[in-house]
Amino acid sequence: MSTVLFIDFEAFQHGDEDFQIKELCILDADSPLKPLTFMFQPSTPWDKLSSDRRRTYAYQEHHLHHLAWNEGDIRYCTKCIFHHIQSAFPLVAGVNTVCYVLGSQKTSFLQRELPMLNIYQYDNAFAYKDLPMAPLHLTCTYRNHSRNHCAVLKCYQLFSHFESL
């Protein structure tokens, strides 16, 4: 039996630094109405960031994903994330589980962060703009923050495209 998961995230990023993940979504193709979502607290207080980072992050907050640096429910911990993934999707530890991510930079990052998962780049599209939009009746499970920059809605886009093949 094969399991297909779709993963996406929204993050803060300044220059060539690693992503500072804010929102993470994992969607099981067999249970698409039950996405697993996380909203992470910041690793550093806003006032401890350099002015360049604050300027970049403020732009990303106000013009892209509309998620504030200081919001979030839990701390980012890869062991905890994997534990939650295993609890939500018991078959995920199997070799037949494939986790699709769109974009080479996100794929490489998640392969480093979650090496216990079989993460592959979704090759059937080059960018989310190449995929049909998520249906309008679907909204973010956290809060309605952005139609184009929401990890949940982008997972639904991947799922819809995958199902149409």
Protein backbone atom coordinates (compact mmCIF):
# COMPACT_ATOMS: atom_id res chain seq x y z
CA MET A 1 0.00 0.00 0.00
CA SER A 2 1.34 3.40 -0.97
CA THR A 3 0.76 6.65 0.91
CA VAL A 4 1.08 10.05 -0.77
CA LEU A 5 1.52 13.19 1.33
CA PHE A 6 1.77 16.79 0.16
CA ILE A 7 3.84 19.22 2.20
CA ASP A 8 4.15 22.96 1.98
CA PHE A 9 5.18 25.79 4.25
CA GLU A 10 5.26 29.55 4.52
CA ALA A 11 8.35 31.07 6.02
CA PHE A 12 10.42 34.12 6.63
CA GLN A 13 13.72 34.29 4.78
CA HIS A 14 16.36 36.98 4.49
CA GLY A 15 19.02 36.68 1.78
CA ASP A 16 20.50 33.21 1.57
CA GLU A 17 19.65 32.19 5.14
CA ASP A 18 17.64 29.05 5.83
CA PHE A 19 13.89 29.34 6.02
CA GLN A 20 12.35 30.40 9.32
CA ILE A 21 9.20 28.29 8.98
CA LYS A 22 6.03 29.95 10.21
CA GLU A 23 3.24 27.73 8.79
CA LEU A 24 3.59 24.06 7.84
CA CYS A 25 0.94 21.81 6.32
CA ILE A 26 0.96 18.09 5.57
CA LEU A 27 -1.97 16.70 3.57
CA ASP A 28 -2.65 12.98 3.09
CA ALA A 29 -4.07 12.16 -0.35
CA ASP A 30 -6.25 9.50 1.29
CA SER A 31 -7.69 11.94 3.89
CA PRO A 32 -7.62 15.38 2.25
CA LEU A 33 -10.16 16.89 4.61
CA LYS A 34 -7.87 16.40 7.62
CA PRO A 35 -4.67 18.35 6.96
CA LEU A 36 -2.06 18.48 9.69
CA THR A 37 -1.06 22.10 10.23
CA PHE A 38 1.39 23.90 12.48
CA MET A 39 1.91 27.58 13.21
CA PHE A 40 5.33 28.09 14.77
CA GLN A 41 6.43 30.67 17.31
CA PRO A 42 9.48 32.73 16.38
CA SER A 43 12.91 31.46 17.36
CA THR A 44 14.12 35.00 18.13
CA PRO A 45 12.24 37.99 19.55
CA TRP A 46 11.47 40.69 16.98
CA ASP A 47 13.55 43.32 18.79
CA LYS A 48 16.63 41.03 18.69
CA LEU A 49 16.58 40.79 14.87
CA SER A 50 18.84 43.00 12.78
CA SER A 51 17.17 45.97 11.12
CA ASP A 52 17.74 44.35 7.69
CA ARG A 53 15.95 41.18 8.77
CA ARG A 54 13.09 43.17 10.34
CA ARG A 55 12.66 45.13 7.10
CA THR A 56 12.64 41.92 4.98
CA TYR A 57 10.34 40.06 7.36
CA ALA A 58 7.94 43.01 7.59
CA TYR A 59 7.68 43.05 3.80
CA GLN A 60 6.97 39.29 3.72
CA GLU A 61 4.36 39.68 6.46
CA HIS A 62 2.52 42.59 4.84
CA HIS A 63 2.84 41.69 1.15
CA LEU A 64 3.14 37.89 0.94
CA HIS A 65 1.85 35.46 3.53
CA HIS A 66 0.32 37.94 6.03
CA LEU A 67 1.60 35.96 9.01
CA ALA A 68 3.15 37.95 11.84
CA TRP A 69 6.61 37.12 13.13
CA ASN A 70 5.33 36.97 16.72
CA GLU A 71 2.32 34.70 16.19
CA GLY A 72 2.37 30.93 16.52
CA ASP A 73 1.23 28.07 18.71
CA ILE A 74 4.27 25.83 19.17
CA ARG A 75 8.04 25.97 18.94
CA TYR A 76 9.70 24.59 15.83
CA CYS A 77 11.21 21.17 16.61
CA THR A 78 11.81 18.59 13.87
CA LYS A 79 11.54 15.64 16.29
CA CYS A 80 8.17 16.94 17.52
CA ILE A 81 6.96 17.53 13.96
CA PHE A 82 7.89 13.99 12.95
CA HIS A 83 6.14 12.62 16.05
CA HIS A 84 2.94 14.52 15.12
CA ILE A 85 3.22 13.31 11.51
CA GLN A 86 3.56 9.69 12.67
CA SER A 87 0.56 10.09 14.98
CA ALA A 88 -1.62 11.66 12.29
CA PHE A 89 -0.46 9.40 9.45
CA PRO A 90 0.61 6.02 10.93
CA LEU A 91 1.83 4.64 7.58
CA VAL A 92 4.29 7.52 7.08
CA ALA A 93 7.29 5.54 8.34
CA GLY A 94 6.86 3.00 5.54
CA VAL A 95 9.11 2.95 2.51
CA ASN A 96 6.01 3.31 0.32
CA THR A 97 5.25 6.79 1.62
CA VAL A 98 6.03 9.60 -0.80
CA CYS A 99 6.00 13.22 0.37
CA TYR A 100 5.68 15.73 -2.46
CA VAL A 101 6.88 19.33 -2.20
CA LEU A 102 6.80 21.93 -4.96
CA GLY A 103 10.06 23.80 -5.56
CA SER A 104 13.66 22.69 -5.38
CA GLN A 105 14.64 25.06 -2.55
CA LYS A 106 11.77 23.90 -0.32
CA THR A 107 12.43 20.25 -1.23
CA SER A 108 16.13 20.47 -0.34
CA PHE A 109 15.35 22.27 2.91
CA LEU A 110 12.76 19.69 4.01
CA GLN A 111 15.03 16.79 3.03
CA ARG A 112 17.64 18.22 5.43
CA GLU A 113 15.13 19.05 8.17
CA LEU A 114 13.10 15.83 8.00
CA PRO A 115 15.49 13.15 6.67
CA MET A 116 13.26 10.39 8.04
CA LEU A 117 10.66 11.18 5.35
CA ASN A 118 10.83 10.30 1.65
CA ILE A 119 10.58 13.83 0.30
CA TYR A 120 10.53 14.42 -3.45
CA GLN A 121 10.04 17.45 -5.62
CA TYR A 122 6.66 17.45 -7.31
CA ASP A 123 7.63 17.47 -10.97
CA ASN A 124 4.26 17.92 -12.60
CA ALA A 125 4.29 21.71 -12.27
CA PHE A 126 6.94 24.40 -12.07
CA ALA A 127 5.17 26.80 -9.72
CA TYR A 128 1.88 27.19 -7.89
CA LYS A 129 0.76 29.68 -10.51
CA ASP A 130 0.86 26.75 -12.98
CA LEU A 131 -1.69 24.85 -10.88
CA PRO A 132 -5.40 25.49 -10.61
CA MET A 133 -6.33 27.55 -7.55
CA ALA A 134 -7.72 25.75 -4.54
CA PRO A 135 -11.53 25.77 -4.51
CA LEU A 136 -12.91 28.96 -2.98
CA HIS A 137 -14.86 27.09 -0.28
CA LEU A 138 -11.56 25.83 1.21
CA THR A 139 -9.84 28.08 3.71
CA CYS A 140 -6.79 27.91 5.91
CA THR A 141 -7.26 25.80 9.03
CA TYR A 142 -5.36 28.38 11.10
CA ARG A 143 -6.92 31.62 9.86
CA ASN A 144 -7.70 33.21 6.52
CA HIS A 145 -4.42 35.04 5.89
CA SER A 146 -3.60 34.81 2.17
CA ARG A 147 -5.12 33.07 -0.83
CA ASN A 148 -1.79 32.77 -2.71
CA HIS A 149 0.62 32.29 0.20
CA CYS A 150 -1.02 29.73 2.47
CA ALA A 151 0.57 26.33 3.06
CA VAL A 152 -2.84 24.66 3.48
CA LEU A 153 -4.26 26.03 0.25
CA LYS A 154 -1.08 25.19 -1.65
CA CYS A 155 -1.28 21.59 -0.41
CA TYR A 156 -4.84 21.49 -1.75
CA GLN A 157 -3.57 22.81 -5.09
CA LEU A 158 -0.98 20.02 -5.26
CA PHE A 159 -3.57 17.42 -4.25
CA SER A 160 -6.09 18.64 -6.85
CA HIS A 161 -3.48 18.60 -9.59
CA PHE A 162 -2.25 15.14 -8.55
CA GLU A 163 -5.79 13.77 -8.54
CA SER A 164 -6.45 15.16 -12.03
CA LEU A 165 -3.56 13.24 -13.60
